[in-house]
């Protein structure tokens, strides 16, 4: 008879078995990220935050991430676009500052399902092209049912490498 084990994480259907969390398993060999941040109307942004959250700055960031060589994805990869705002959570016992994701589009349903079920992230599906590089510009599009709803384009970029 199936029985939940406390040291495991389960996805649907749970009776196929759970897994023990392994930080090395979630490692990604290659991540490329572009962030587009701009100032906007703070009163309008504040309307999207749930009770208990406070907007820190009237900024909206749209991020494109290409993840490749994901251990948990058998070496495969996927793309995502996240729209987020800087926010503070003001709980009864805890306070936390960071970013609040308003929506995360991903081009693969496996990380969408896991992210929604296991951590409650606002993930939905979209066709997101790999990043194109041409003539000093970097660009991509995201679409649903063949209808482009966002185009991200960047030029005059500077390389940033994470310090060890």
Protein backbone atom coordinates (compact mmCIF):
# COMPACT_ATOMS: atom_id res chain seq x y z
CA UNK A 1 0.00 0.00 0.00
CA UNK A 2 1.28 3.50 -0.88
CA UNK A 3 2.43 5.68 2.00
CA UNK A 4 3.85 9.24 1.93
CA UNK A 5 7.39 9.58 3.29
CA UNK A 6 8.20 12.79 5.16
CA UNK A 7 11.65 13.33 3.61
CA UNK A 8 10.38 13.26 0.02
CA UNK A 9 8.75 15.70 -2.38
CA UNK A 10 5.84 14.44 -4.48
CA UNK A 11 4.39 15.42 -7.83
CA UNK A 12 1.23 14.08 -9.40
CA UNK A 13 0.49 11.24 -9.34
CA UNK A 14 2.16 10.86 -5.92
CA UNK A 15 1.83 7.07 -5.75
CA UNK A 16 4.52 6.76 -8.47
CA UNK A 17 6.97 7.74 -5.72
CA UNK A 18 8.63 10.85 -4.39
CA UNK A 19 12.16 12.18 -4.51
CA UNK A 20 14.58 13.42 -1.87
CA UNK A 21 15.74 16.99 -2.55
CA UNK A 22 19.27 17.13 -3.97
CA UNK A 23 20.72 20.61 -4.68
CA UNK A 24 23.14 19.17 -7.25
CA UNK A 25 20.24 17.61 -9.12
CA UNK A 26 18.68 21.04 -9.68
CA UNK A 27 21.92 22.52 -11.08
CA UNK A 28 21.93 24.14 -14.51
CA UNK A 29 25.13 24.11 -16.58
CA UNK A 30 24.39 27.22 -18.63
CA UNK A 31 22.02 30.11 -17.94
CA UNK A 32 21.67 33.21 -20.07
CA UNK A 33 19.55 36.04 -18.68
CA UNK A 34 18.50 39.46 -19.96
CA UNK A 35 16.70 41.91 -17.69
CA UNK A 36 14.65 44.88 -18.85
CA UNK A 37 13.81 47.24 -15.96
CA UNK A 38 11.85 50.44 -16.28
CA UNK A 39 10.06 52.93 -14.03
CA UNK A 40 6.31 53.17 -14.23
CA UNK A 41 3.22 54.23 -12.26
CA UNK A 42 3.55 52.80 -8.76
CA UNK A 43 -0.18 53.13 -8.04
CA UNK A 44 -0.97 50.91 -11.02
CA UNK A 45 1.65 48.31 -10.06
CA UNK A 46 0.41 48.26 -6.47
CA UNK A 47 -2.98 47.01 -7.70
CA UNK A 48 -1.37 43.67 -8.63
CA UNK A 49 0.11 42.94 -5.20
CA UNK A 50 -1.92 40.87 -2.73
CA UNK A 51 -2.62 41.93 0.84
CA UNK A 52 0.51 41.80 3.00
CA UNK A 53 2.83 42.96 0.20
CA UNK A 54 4.21 46.46 -0.31
CA UNK A 55 5.75 47.84 -3.51
CA UNK A 56 9.33 49.00 -2.82
CA UNK A 57 9.92 50.99 -6.02
CA UNK A 58 7.71 51.89 -9.00
CA UNK A 59 9.66 49.53 -11.25
CA UNK A 60 8.71 46.64 -13.47
CA UNK A 61 11.30 44.10 -14.62
CA UNK A 62 10.84 41.73 -17.53
CA UNK A 63 13.43 38.95 -17.55
CA UNK A 64 14.29 36.44 -20.25
CA UNK A 65 16.13 33.30 -19.11
CA UNK A 66 17.46 30.46 -21.23
CA UNK A 67 18.36 27.44 -19.13
CA UNK A 68 20.49 24.73 -20.75
CA UNK A 69 22.09 21.57 -19.42
CA UNK A 70 19.64 21.19 -16.53
CA UNK A 71 20.46 18.10 -14.48
CA UNK A 72 16.83 17.55 -13.49
CA UNK A 73 15.84 17.90 -17.17
CA UNK A 74 18.21 15.12 -18.34
CA UNK A 75 20.57 17.74 -19.76
CA UNK A 76 17.83 19.55 -21.68
CA UNK A 77 16.64 23.10 -21.33
CA UNK A 78 13.82 25.58 -21.69
CA UNK A 79 13.12 29.32 -21.86
CA UNK A 80 11.14 31.57 -19.55
CA UNK A 81 10.00 35.17 -19.36
CA UNK A 82 9.17 36.59 -15.93
CA UNK A 83 7.46 39.87 -15.08
CA UNK A 84 8.23 41.00 -11.55
CA UNK A 85 8.18 43.97 -9.17
CA UNK A 86 10.37 44.77 -6.13
CA UNK A 87 8.30 44.12 -3.03
CA UNK A 88 8.31 43.56 0.73
CA UNK A 89 6.20 40.95 2.47
CA UNK A 90 4.88 42.31 5.77
CA UNK A 91 3.65 39.26 7.66
CA UNK A 92 2.50 38.98 11.25
CA UNK A 93 5.79 37.37 12.26
CA UNK A 94 8.14 37.77 9.30
CA UNK A 95 9.24 40.43 6.85
CA UNK A 96 11.01 39.67 3.58
CA UNK A 97 12.23 41.88 0.73
CA UNK A 98 12.76 40.63 -2.82
CA UNK A 99 10.89 40.41 -6.09
CA UNK A 100 7.26 39.42 -6.50
CA UNK A 101 6.61 37.53 -9.75
CA UNK A 102 3.38 38.68 -11.41
CA UNK A 103 3.58 36.08 -14.20
CA UNK A 104 6.10 33.55 -15.49
CA UNK A 105 5.74 32.23 -19.04
CA UNK A 106 7.67 29.05 -19.86
CA UNK A 107 7.95 27.03 -23.05
CA UNK A 108 7.81 23.61 -21.39
CA UNK A 109 4.98 22.23 -19.27
CA UNK A 110 7.18 20.11 -16.97
CA UNK A 111 8.73 23.06 -15.06
CA UNK A 112 5.38 24.86 -15.20
CA UNK A 113 3.57 22.03 -13.44
CA UNK A 114 6.30 21.54 -10.83
CA UNK A 115 6.60 25.26 -10.12
CA UNK A 116 2.88 25.69 -9.67
CA UNK A 117 2.29 22.53 -7.62
CA UNK A 118 5.35 22.64 -5.41
CA UNK A 119 5.96 26.36 -4.89
CA UNK A 120 2.81 28.16 -6.04
CA UNK A 121 4.54 30.19 -8.77
CA UNK A 122 2.29 31.97 -11.33
CA UNK A 123 3.51 29.93 -14.31
CA UNK A 124 1.73 29.57 -17.66
CA UNK A 125 2.70 28.24 -21.09
CA UNK A 126 3.90 30.31 -24.06
CA UNK A 127 6.02 29.65 -27.15
CA UNK A 128 9.28 31.47 -26.36
CA UNK A 129 11.94 31.54 -29.06
CA UNK A 130 15.60 31.10 -28.24
CA UNK A 131 17.51 34.37 -28.09
CA UNK A 132 18.63 35.62 -31.50
CA UNK A 133 21.84 37.65 -31.90
CA UNK A 134 22.26 39.70 -35.07
CA UNK A 135 23.97 42.97 -35.97
CA UNK A 136 24.66 43.95 -32.34
CA UNK A 137 21.09 43.26 -31.25
CA UNK A 138 19.64 40.49 -29.11
CA UNK A 139 15.96 39.68 -29.44
CA UNK A 140 13.22 37.12 -28.91
CA UNK A 141 9.45 36.81 -29.12
CA UNK A 142 6.83 35.05 -27.05
CA UNK A 143 3.51 33.96 -28.49
CA UNK A 144 0.38 31.97 -27.76
CA UNK A 145 -1.48 30.24 -30.61
CA UNK A 146 0.81 31.99 -33.11
CA UNK A 147 -0.03 35.45 -31.79
CA UNK A 148 3.04 37.36 -30.52
CA UNK A 149 2.27 39.12 -27.25
CA UNK A 150 5.76 40.30 -26.32
CA UNK A 151 8.99 41.09 -28.18
CA UNK A 152 12.14 41.73 -26.20
CA UNK A 153 15.05 43.46 -27.89
CA UNK A 154 18.35 44.71 -26.49
CA UNK A 155 21.36 46.44 -28.01
CA UNK A 156 24.57 48.06 -26.72
CA UNK A 157 24.96 45.27 -24.17
CA UNK A 158 27.76 44.75 -21.65
CA UNK A 159 28.86 41.31 -20.50
CA UNK A 160 28.37 40.63 -16.80
CA UNK A 161 29.93 37.62 -15.18
CA UNK A 162 29.06 36.33 -11.75
CA UNK A 163 31.91 36.71 -9.28
CA UNK A 164 33.10 33.52 -7.62
